[in-house]
């Protein structure tokens, strides 16, 4: 892939770059399972990779030739397309804006979407292009294609039939068997741990441990000890040696939740683990090899934290080889009736309550609510209604109070009622967690799957002693 462009722009593509290599391995891993043609090109228009549907397209030429250009392979031109969308993305433009500006008669390879691949230094080195199937192109009976034809509303314990969730289901299926790290990004309550479990259950590691670590609930010292282990006497209170969770997860998957809440010192140590595939227990001079797939998650803007030096950029690219964005509930409202019925059934069974239907009016109100707490908020509200009400049906007043006229008057009123109901349910759940933890706030935070700081804020807000 050597050579230089006419404008002299240096090409950051380096086949020996570990981060870029991991990206390309992941693309190859699921590229051959797609029925859509996809290709990877660098800044010099060199075709770095093309999957089977791209190879076997009737318009594709000599894609096995060394340093073949994408415009030669897919359009049959000796020079680059004058309106190449991918090249404009390399120049810093947004792909959707590029497509909107293209003339209908513009000559291109038929690219319908692009995704960036960054090198270890954070530079845009390649782009993945999803191409439009050409006229006469074959459609291959790949495993992914067969699964799409049998799509249901469930993937493991994940539920949804909205376009956003179907896209997420497909991505989970594609990346499950990859060994690359995955980063789940989404608001609180969108189900990041459940997605991580689903990835694990669909992978070849399914019979090995799945270990969850809430990075936001442990101090830096405890987090390092928990993950990497420690030797007896290595610090005050270390009365015996202990294996770390990376060792406990050996052969399986470790899920690092709230990864953005870790310190710079810990991030440096985690980066070394990802680079070397080994951990060094606290107080030990010997490293231990581990075979663990890392899936991490955050509800924060890591790119913004990188700009303020609050998160290491090199660690971000190590963690985000396979980035997945989880949609908030307000962007997948068509899934709410499915979720409501599932939570009502599950909650009724768990609390030994008779099965109950949800009225159409209640379902409509639930679908229209804003849900700032996403699926977790919806689940808690439904559980509260199931436990605290009776009757053959669950009505709107069971969820949002008895003042139906006030609820129906305006969307802002509905939001207010939903927020009040959610706060009541949240307070009840916090008090229950404190009872289960015998008043230990750190344990209660782990039960609630929130950081200790978040729990302390809630305790002050609800004046819980």
Protein backbone atom coordinates (compact mmCIF):
# COMPACT_ATOMS: atom_id res chain seq x y z
CA UNK A 1 0.00 0.00 0.00
CA UNK A 2 2.97 2.28 -0.43
CA UNK A 3 2.94 5.41 -2.52
CA UNK A 4 1.88 9.03 -2.15
CA UNK A 5 -1.02 11.04 -3.36
CA UNK A 6 -0.60 13.86 -5.81
CA UNK A 7 -1.33 16.45 -3.14
CA UNK A 8 1.51 15.12 -0.97
CA UNK A 9 -0.72 14.31 2.02
CA UNK A 10 1.07 11.70 4.17
CA UNK A 11 -0.74 8.40 4.52
CA UNK A 12 -1.16 7.38 8.20
CA UNK A 13 -2.01 3.79 7.21
CA UNK A 14 0.55 1.41 8.72
CA UNK A 15 -0.17 -2.34 8.59
CA UNK A 16 1.95 -2.83 11.73
CA UNK A 17 -0.11 -0.36 13.79
CA UNK A 18 -1.63 -2.53 16.59
CA UNK A 19 -4.83 -0.51 16.98
CA UNK A 20 -5.47 -0.30 13.24
CA UNK A 21 -4.65 -3.99 12.87
CA UNK A 22 -7.25 -4.83 15.52
CA UNK A 23 -9.80 -2.66 13.70
CA UNK A 24 -9.11 -4.41 10.39
CA UNK A 25 -9.28 -7.87 11.96
CA UNK A 26 -12.70 -7.02 13.37
CA UNK A 27 -13.92 -5.72 10.01
CA UNK A 28 -12.72 -8.90 8.31
CA UNK A 29 -14.30 -11.06 11.02
CA UNK A 30 -17.81 -9.88 10.31
CA UNK A 31 -17.33 -8.64 6.73
CA UNK A 32 -17.45 -12.17 5.33
CA UNK A 33 -20.75 -12.78 7.13
CA UNK A 34 -22.48 -9.84 5.46
CA UNK A 35 -24.48 -10.08 2.27
CA UNK A 36 -23.79 -6.38 1.53
CA UNK A 37 -20.52 -5.51 -0.23
CA UNK A 38 -18.10 -3.65 2.03
CA UNK A 39 -14.57 -2.40 1.46
CA UNK A 40 -11.80 -0.63 3.37
CA UNK A 41 -9.69 2.03 1.65
CA UNK A 42 -6.84 4.24 2.81
CA UNK A 43 -6.16 7.90 1.98
CA UNK A 44 -4.43 6.95 -1.25
CA UNK A 45 -7.53 5.11 -2.53
CA UNK A 46 -5.77 1.75 -2.05
CA UNK A 47 -8.17 -1.13 -1.47
CA UNK A 48 -7.08 -2.54 1.88
CA UNK A 49 -9.91 -5.08 2.15
CA UNK A 50 -13.06 -6.16 0.29
CA UNK A 51 -15.47 -8.88 1.44
CA UNK A 52 -16.89 -11.70 -0.72
CA UNK A 53 -19.96 -9.82 -2.03
CA UNK A 54 -17.63 -6.97 -3.07
CA UNK A 55 -15.19 -9.40 -4.72
CA UNK A 56 -17.91 -11.23 -6.59
CA UNK A 57 -19.80 -8.17 -7.78
CA UNK A 58 -19.90 -8.13 -11.60
CA UNK A 59 -18.44 -4.60 -11.48
CA UNK A 60 -15.43 -5.57 -9.38
CA UNK A 61 -12.07 -5.93 -11.15
CA UNK A 62 -8.75 -7.34 -9.98
CA UNK A 63 -9.26 -6.70 -6.29
CA UNK A 64 -6.47 -9.16 -5.50
CA UNK A 65 -3.88 -7.08 -7.37
CA UNK A 66 -1.28 -5.34 -5.17
CA UNK A 67 -2.29 -1.80 -4.19
CA UNK A 68 -5.31 -1.83 -6.49
CA UNK A 69 -7.24 1.44 -6.35
CA UNK A 70 -10.88 1.41 -5.30
CA UNK A 71 -11.91 3.45 -8.36
CA UNK A 72 -10.23 0.87 -10.60
CA UNK A 73 -11.83 -2.06 -8.81
CA UNK A 74 -15.37 -0.74 -8.50
CA UNK A 75 -15.85 1.89 -11.18
CA UNK A 76 -13.28 0.84 -13.79
CA UNK A 77 -11.56 4.24 -13.84
CA UNK A 78 -7.84 4.97 -13.86
CA UNK A 79 -8.35 8.18 -11.88
CA UNK A 80 -10.24 8.78 -8.62
CA UNK A 81 -13.90 9.74 -8.78
CA UNK A 82 -14.10 13.53 -8.83
CA UNK A 83 -16.80 13.45 -6.16
CA UNK A 84 -15.45 10.60 -3.99
CA UNK A 85 -17.48 10.72 -0.73
CA UNK A 86 -14.87 8.75 1.22
CA UNK A 87 -12.11 11.19 0.29
CA UNK A 88 -14.24 14.10 1.50
CA UNK A 89 -14.67 12.24 4.80
CA UNK A 90 -10.87 11.96 4.99
CA UNK A 91 -10.80 15.74 4.57
CA UNK A 92 -12.96 16.18 7.66
CA UNK A 93 -16.51 16.45 6.28
CA UNK A 94 -19.51 14.57 7.65
CA UNK A 95 -20.57 11.71 5.37
CA UNK A 96 -24.29 12.57 5.46
CA UNK A 97 -23.58 16.15 4.44
CA UNK A 98 -21.36 14.89 1.61
CA UNK A 99 -24.10 12.61 0.27
CA UNK A 100 -26.69 15.38 0.44
CA UNK A 101 -24.47 17.63 -1.71
CA UNK A 102 -23.75 15.01 -4.37
CA UNK A 103 -25.29 15.45 -7.79
CA UNK A 104 -27.65 12.60 -8.75
CA UNK A 105 -25.46 11.99 -11.81
CA UNK A 106 -22.18 11.90 -9.88
CA UNK A 107 -19.96 8.92 -10.69
CA UNK A 108 -19.13 7.00 -7.50
CA UNK A 109 -18.66 3.41 -6.43
CA UNK A 110 -22.12 3.39 -4.85
CA UNK A 111 -21.01 3.99 -1.26
CA UNK A 112 -24.02 4.37 1.04
CA UNK A 113 -22.24 4.74 4.38
CA UNK A 114 -18.72 5.13 5.76
CA UNK A 115 -17.17 4.41 9.15
CA UNK A 116 -13.76 5.73 10.24
CA UNK A 117 -10.85 3.53 11.36
CA UNK A 118 -8.25 5.33 13.47
CA UNK A 119 -4.62 4.45 14.05
CA UNK A 120 -2.94 4.26 17.47
CA UNK A 121 -2.15 7.99 17.38
CA UNK A 122 -5.82 8.83 16.82
CA UNK A 123 -5.49 9.81 13.15
CA UNK A 124 -8.05 8.76 10.56
CA UNK A 125 -6.16 6.10 8.59
CA UNK A 126 -8.87 4.20 6.68
CA UNK A 127 -12.59 4.20 6.11
CA UNK A 128 -14.97 1.26 5.90
CA UNK A 129 -17.36 1.70 2.98
CA UNK A 130 -20.71 -0.04 2.78
CA UNK A 131 -21.51 -0.24 -0.93
CA UNK A 132 -24.81 -0.43 -2.74
CA UNK A 133 -25.31 -3.89 -4.33
CA UNK A 134 -24.80 -3.46 -8.08
CA UNK A 135 -27.25 -4.55 -10.75
CA UNK A 136 -26.85 -8.28 -11.29
CA UNK A 137 -24.77 -8.71 -8.15
CA UNK A 138 -25.34 -11.99 -6.42
CA UNK A 139 -26.87 -12.24 -2.98
CA UNK A 140 -25.12 -14.81 -0.88
CA UNK A 141 -26.82 -17.06 1.65
CA UNK A 142 -24.53 -16.01 4.47
CA UNK A 143 -25.25 -16.84 8.09
CA UNK A 144 -26.04 -13.18 8.80
CA UNK A 145 -28.50 -13.08 5.89
CA UNK A 146 -30.26 -16.20 7.09
CA UNK A 147 -30.53 -14.77 10.58
CA UNK A 148 -31.96 -11.50 9.29
CA UNK A 149 -34.71 -13.41 7.52
CA UNK A 150 -35.60 -15.03 10.84
CA UNK A 151 -35.46 -11.86 12.94
CA UNK A 152 -37.63 -11.76 16.04
CA UNK A 153 -38.23 -9.15 18.69
CA UNK A 154 -35.65 -10.73 21.01
CA UNK A 155 -31.93 -11.32 21.06
CA UNK A 156 -31.16 -13.14 24.27
CA UNK A 157 -32.82 -10.97 26.91
CA UNK A 158 -32.73 -7.87 24.71
CA UNK A 159 -36.14 -6.79 23.41
CA UNK A 160 -37.08 -4.53 20.51
CA UNK A 161 -38.21 -4.35 16.90
CA UNK A 162 -37.40 -0.72 16.14
CA UNK A 163 -34.86 -0.02 13.38
CA UNK A 164 -32.35 1.13 16.00
CA UNK A 165 -32.64 -2.13 17.92
CA UNK A 166 -32.55 -4.30 14.80
CA UNK A 167 -29.30 -2.55 13.84
CA UNK A 168 -27.96 -3.15 17.35
CA UNK A 169 -28.98 -6.84 17.24
CA UNK A 170 -27.16 -7.27 13.93
CA UNK A 171 -24.01 -5.60 15.22
CA UNK A 172 -24.03 -7.79 18.35
CA UNK A 173 -24.32 -10.92 16.21
CA UNK A 174 -21.49 -9.75 13.99
CA UNK A 175 -19.02 -8.86 16.74
CA UNK A 176 -19.88 -11.57 19.29
CA UNK A 177 -17.20 -14.03 18.17
CA UNK A 178 -14.53 -11.40 17.66
CA UNK A 179 -11.75 -11.22 20.25
CA UNK A 180 -11.49 -7.43 19.91
CA UNK A 181 -12.48 -5.06 22.69
CA UNK A 182 -15.94 -3.48 22.55
CA UNK A 183 -17.03 -0.12 23.97
CA UNK A 184 -20.72 0.39 24.77
CA UNK A 185 -21.82 4.00 24.92
CA UNK A 186 -25.26 5.15 25.98
CA UNK A 187 -27.24 6.99 28.61
CA UNK A 188 -27.85 5.51 32.06
CA UNK A 189 -30.53 2.85 32.01
CA UNK A 190 -30.18 1.86 28.34
CA UNK A 191 -29.09 -1.70 29.17
CA UNK A 192 -25.32 -1.65 28.63
CA UNK A 193 -24.64 -4.57 30.99
CA UNK A 194 -27.37 -6.63 29.33
CA UNK A 195 -25.82 -5.95 25.92
CA UNK A 196 -22.42 -7.01 27.27
CA UNK A 197 -23.92 -10.26 28.63
CA UNK A 198 -25.59 -10.92 25.29
CA UNK A 199 -22.29 -10.45 23.46
CA UNK A 200 -20.69 -12.93 25.86
CA UNK A 201 -23.52 -15.47 25.55
CA UNK A 202 -23.35 -15.42 21.75
CA UNK A 203 -19.57 -15.83 21.71
CA UNK A 204 -17.34 -18.87 21.91
CA UNK A 205 -16.58 -17.82 25.49
CA UNK A 206 -20.16 -18.43 26.62
CA UNK A 207 -19.21 -21.35 28.89
CA UNK A 208 -16.47 -19.34 30.58
CA UNK A 209 -16.86 -16.64 33.27
CA UNK A 210 -18.57 -13.32 32.70
CA UNK A 211 -17.25 -10.91 35.33
CA UNK A 212 -18.79 -7.49 36.02
CA UNK A 213 -16.74 -4.65 37.50
CA UNK A 214 -18.36 -1.33 38.42
CA UNK A 215 -15.37 0.98 38.16
CA UNK A 216 -17.31 3.89 39.64
CA UNK A 217 -17.92 2.29 43.06
CA UNK A 218 -14.31 1.46 43.99
CA UNK A 219 -11.43 3.66 45.03
CA UNK A 220 -8.31 3.58 42.84
CA UNK A 221 -6.43 1.26 45.23
CA UNK A 222 -9.33 -1.14 45.63
CA UNK A 223 -10.06 -1.15 41.89
CA UNK A 224 -6.45 -2.05 41.09
CA UNK A 225 -6.47 -4.78 43.72
CA UNK A 226 -9.84 -6.15 42.61
CA UNK A 227 -8.89 -6.32 38.94
CA UNK A 228 -5.25 -7.35 39.13
CA UNK A 229 -5.07 -9.10 42.51
CA UNK A 230 -2.58 -8.54 45.32
CA UNK A 231 -0.01 -10.31 47.46
CA UNK A 232 -0.28 -10.73 51.21
CA UNK A 233 1.09 -7.67 52.99
CA UNK A 234 1.24 -5.52 49.85
CA UNK A 235 -0.85 -2.82 51.55
CA UNK A 236 -2.65 -2.21 54.83
CA UNK A 237 -5.43 -4.75 55.22
CA UNK A 238 -3.98 -7.24 52.70
CA UNK A 239 -3.98 -10.16 55.17
CA UNK A 240 -3.80 -12.76 52.42
CA UNK A 241 -3.00 -12.98 48.72
CA UNK A 242 -5.94 -12.64 46.34
CA UNK A 243 -6.50 -13.42 42.68
CA UNK A 244 -7.72 -10.49 40.61
CA UNK A 245 -10.91 -10.45 38.55
CA UNK A 246 -8.90 -10.59 35.32
CA UNK A 247 -7.61 -13.96 36.48
CA UNK A 248 -11.09 -15.01 37.58
CA UNK A 249 -12.36 -14.14 34.09
CA UNK A 250 -9.56 -16.01 32.30
CA UNK A 251 -10.99 -17.57 29.13
CA UNK A 252 -14.14 -15.47 29.40
CA UNK A 253 -15.27 -11.85 29.33
CA UNK A 254 -14.77 -8.99 31.78
CA UNK A 255 -17.22 -6.07 31.70
CA UNK A 256 -15.79 -2.76 32.91
CA UNK A 257 -18.76 -0.51 33.64
CA UNK A 258 -18.37 3.25 34.17
CA UNK A 259 -14.88 3.14 32.68
CA UNK A 260 -14.84 6.95 32.45
CA UNK A 261 -14.75 7.20 36.24
CA UNK A 262 -11.24 5.72 36.54
CA UNK A 263 -8.08 7.68 37.38
CA UNK A 264 -5.21 8.44 35.01
CA UNK A 265 -2.93 6.12 37.01
CA UNK A 266 -5.36 3.21 36.72
CA UNK A 267 -5.94 3.93 33.01
CA UNK A 268 -2.20 3.59 32.40
CA UNK A 269 -2.17 0.18 34.11
CA UNK A 270 -5.25 -1.00 32.21
CA UNK A 271 -3.66 0.10 28.92
CA UNK A 272 -0.67 -2.12 29.68
CA UNK A 273 -2.97 -5.08 30.38
CA UNK A 274 -4.67 -4.60 27.01
CA UNK A 275 -1.35 -4.23 25.20
CA UNK A 276 0.51 -7.12 26.84
CA UNK A 277 -2.34 -9.50 27.73
CA UNK A 278 -0.99 -9.89 31.25
CA UNK A 279 -1.64 -8.53 34.74
CA UNK A 280 0.74 -7.75 37.58
CA UNK A 281 -0.78 -8.20 41.07
CA UNK A 282 -0.25 -5.36 43.55
CA UNK A 283 3.00 -5.98 45.38
CA UNK A 284 4.27 -8.52 42.87
CA UNK A 285 7.14 -8.20 40.40
CA UNK A 286 5.83 -11.05 38.24
CA UNK A 287 3.26 -10.71 35.47
CA UNK A 288 0.57 -13.31 34.82
CA UNK A 289 -0.78 -14.03 31.33
CA UNK A 290 -4.57 -13.82 30.95
CA UNK A 291 -6.91 -14.56 28.04
CA UNK A 292 -9.82 -12.20 28.59
CA UNK A 293 -12.08 -10.28 26.25
CA UNK A 294 -12.73 -6.77 27.55
CA UNK A 295 -16.10 -5.08 27.07
CA UNK A 296 -16.34 -1.62 28.65
CA UNK A 297 -19.17 0.87 29.00
CA UNK A 298 -19.79 4.50 29.81
CA UNK A 299 -22.60 7.03 29.82
CA UNK A 300 -20.14 9.91 29.39
CA UNK A 301 -18.62 11.59 26.37
CA UNK A 302 -15.15 10.04 26.25
CA UNK A 303 -14.11 12.23 23.32
CA UNK A 304 -14.90 15.28 25.42
CA UNK A 305 -12.98 13.83 28.38
CA UNK A 306 -10.00 13.20 26.09
CA UNK A 307 -9.96 16.89 25.12
CA UNK A 308 -9.84 17.91 28.80
CA UNK A 309 -7.12 15.30 29.51
CA UNK A 310 -9.49 13.43 31.85
CA UNK A 311 -9.26 10.22 29.80
CA UNK A 312 -6.31 8.75 27.91
CA UNK A 313 -6.70 8.89 24.15
CA UNK A 314 -4.55 5.80 23.58
CA UNK A 315 -6.71 3.81 26.03
CA UNK A 316 -9.86 5.00 24.25
CA UNK A 317 -8.68 3.56 20.93
CA UNK A 318 -7.73 0.32 22.67
CA UNK A 319 -11.17 0.00 24.24
CA UNK A 320 -13.19 1.21 21.25
CA UNK A 321 -12.00 -1.21 18.57
CA UNK A 322 -15.68 -2.18 18.25
CA UNK A 323 -17.82 0.80 19.39
CA UNK A 324 -21.55 0.28 19.90
CA UNK A 325 -24.01 3.10 20.58
CA UNK A 326 -27.13 2.15 22.57
CA UNK A 327 -30.21 4.22 21.67
CA UNK A 328 -32.15 5.96 24.46
CA UNK A 329 -35.74 4.84 24.95
CA UNK A 330 -37.14 8.09 23.53
CA UNK A 331 -35.57 7.16 20.16
CA UNK A 332 -37.20 3.72 20.05
CA UNK A 333 -40.73 4.40 21.29
CA UNK A 334 -42.19 1.63 19.10
CA UNK A 335 -40.44 -0.83 21.45
CA UNK A 336 -42.21 0.46 24.57
CA UNK A 337 -45.39 -1.70 24.24
CA UNK A 338 -43.18 -4.80 23.92
CA UNK A 339 -41.15 -3.78 26.96
CA UNK A 340 -44.25 -2.94 29.00
CA UNK A 341 -45.83 -6.34 28.40
CA UNK A 342 -42.55 -8.10 29.18
CA UNK A 343 -41.98 -6.18 32.44
CA UNK A 344 -45.59 -6.62 33.57
CA UNK A 345 -45.37 -10.37 33.02
CA UNK A 346 -41.96 -10.69 34.67
CA UNK A 347 -42.87 -8.49 37.64
CA UNK A 348 -46.19 -10.28 38.20
CA UNK A 349 -44.42 -13.63 38.24
CA UNK A 350 -41.63 -12.40 40.53
CA UNK A 351 -44.04 -10.91 43.09
CA UNK A 352 -46.61 -13.73 42.85
CA UNK A 353 -49.26 -11.47 41.37
CA UNK A 354 -51.97 -12.55 38.90
CA UNK A 355 -51.41 -11.82 35.23
CA UNK A 356 -52.89 -8.45 34.19
CA UNK A 357 -53.43 -6.57 30.96
CA UNK A 358 -52.47 -2.94 30.32
CA UNK A 359 -55.21 -0.72 28.96
CA UNK A 360 -54.76 0.96 25.59
CA UNK A 361 -54.92 4.38 27.23
CA UNK A 362 -52.17 3.43 29.70
CA UNK A 363 -50.02 1.98 26.95
CA UNK A 364 -50.36 5.18 24.94
CA UNK A 365 -49.37 7.30 27.96
CA UNK A 366 -46.38 5.09 28.66
CA UNK A 367 -45.30 5.29 25.02
CA UNK A 368 -45.52 9.10 25.03
CA UNK A 369 -43.64 9.64 28.33
CA UNK A 370 -40.12 11.15 28.10
CA UNK A 371 -38.23 8.44 30.08
CA UNK A 372 -35.04 10.29 31.04
CA UNK A 373 -34.04 7.19 33.01
CA UNK A 374 -34.63 4.98 29.96
CA UNK A 375 -35.46 1.27 30.33
CA UNK A 376 -34.49 1.09 33.99
CA UNK A 377 -36.97 3.87 34.80
CA UNK A 378 -39.73 2.14 32.83
CA UNK A 379 -39.06 -1.20 34.53
CA UNK A 380 -39.15 0.31 38.04
CA UNK A 381 -42.35 2.22 37.34
CA UNK A 382 -44.06 -0.94 36.09
CA UNK A 383 -42.84 -2.97 39.06
CA UNK A 384 -44.19 -0.37 41.44
CA UNK A 385 -47.58 -0.40 39.71
CA UNK A 386 -47.76 -4.21 39.73
CA UNK A 387 -46.88 -4.44 43.43
CA UNK A 388 -48.96 -1.55 44.79
CA UNK A 389 -52.22 -1.87 42.80
CA UNK A 390 -54.92 -4.46 42.22
CA UNK A 391 -57.65 -5.14 39.70
CA UNK A 392 -57.97 -7.00 36.40
CA UNK A 393 -56.13 -4.31 34.42
CA UNK A 394 -53.34 -1.79 34.82
CA UNK A 395 -54.68 1.65 33.94
CA UNK A 396 -53.05 4.99 33.31
CA UNK A 397 -53.80 6.12 36.87
CA UNK A 398 -51.91 3.10 38.22
CA UNK A 399 -48.78 4.40 36.55
CA UNK A 400 -49.20 8.18 36.68
CA UNK A 401 -51.63 8.89 39.52
CA UNK A 402 -55.37 9.43 39.71
CA UNK A 403 -55.56 12.93 38.21
CA UNK A 404 -56.13 11.73 34.64
CA UNK A 405 -57.36 15.11 33.43
CA UNK A 406 -54.13 16.73 34.60
CA UNK A 407 -52.10 14.04 32.86
CA UNK A 408 -53.92 14.46 29.59
CA UNK A 409 -53.82 18.27 29.60
CA UNK A 410 -50.30 18.66 28.19
CA UNK A 411 -47.09 16.80 27.51
CA UNK A 412 -45.29 18.84 30.16
CA UNK A 413 -47.87 17.70 32.74
CA UNK A 414 -47.30 14.08 31.72
CA UNK A 415 -43.58 14.55 32.19
CA UNK A 416 -44.16 16.00 35.65
CA UNK A 417 -46.36 13.09 36.72
CA UNK A 418 -43.95 10.54 35.26
CA UNK A 419 -41.06 12.23 37.04
CA UNK A 420 -42.88 12.20 40.39
CA UNK A 421 -43.81 8.54 40.00
CA UNK A 422 -40.24 7.70 39.06
CA UNK A 423 -38.86 9.56 42.06
CA UNK A 424 -41.17 7.61 44.36
CA UNK A 425 -40.07 4.33 42.81
CA UNK A 426 -36.41 5.39 42.96
CA UNK A 427 -36.62 6.33 46.64
CA UNK A 428 -38.26 2.99 47.45
CA UNK A 429 -35.56 1.08 45.57
CA UNK A 430 -32.75 2.99 47.33
CA UNK A 431 -34.26 2.28 50.76
CA UNK A 432 -34.62 -1.39 49.83
CA UNK A 433 -30.97 -1.57 48.70
CA UNK A 434 -29.78 0.05 51.96
CA UNK A 435 -31.75 -2.53 53.94
CA UNK A 436 -30.24 -5.35 51.89
CA UNK A 437 -26.76 -3.89 52.45
CA UNK A 438 -27.39 -3.40 56.21
CA UNK A 439 -26.79 0.32 55.74
CA UNK A 440 -23.47 -0.07 53.91
CA UNK A 441 -23.60 2.61 51.23
CA UNK A 442 -20.85 1.15 49.06
CA UNK A 443 -22.64 -2.22 48.91
CA UNK A 444 -25.96 -0.46 48.27
CA UNK A 445 -24.39 1.45 45.36
CA UNK A 446 -23.18 -1.83 43.85
CA UNK A 447 -26.66 -3.35 44.22
CA UNK A 448 -28.16 -0.31 42.49
CA UNK A 449 -25.39 -0.32 39.85
CA UNK A 450 -24.60 3.36 40.38
CA UNK A 451 -21.48 5.13 41.61
CA UNK A 452 -21.17 5.99 45.29
CA UNK A 453 -21.16 9.69 44.41
CA UNK A 454 -24.44 9.21 42.54
CA UNK A 455 -25.95 7.38 45.51
CA UNK A 456 -24.83 10.08 47.96
CA UNK A 457 -26.47 12.72 45.77
CA UNK A 458 -29.71 10.73 45.75
CA UNK A 459 -29.60 10.27 49.53
CA UNK A 460 -29.30 14.03 49.98
CA UNK A 461 -31.99 14.78 47.41
CA UNK A 462 -34.48 12.38 49.02
CA UNK A 463 -33.31 13.22 52.57
CA UNK A 464 -32.70 9.57 53.35
CA UNK A 465 -30.68 9.08 56.53
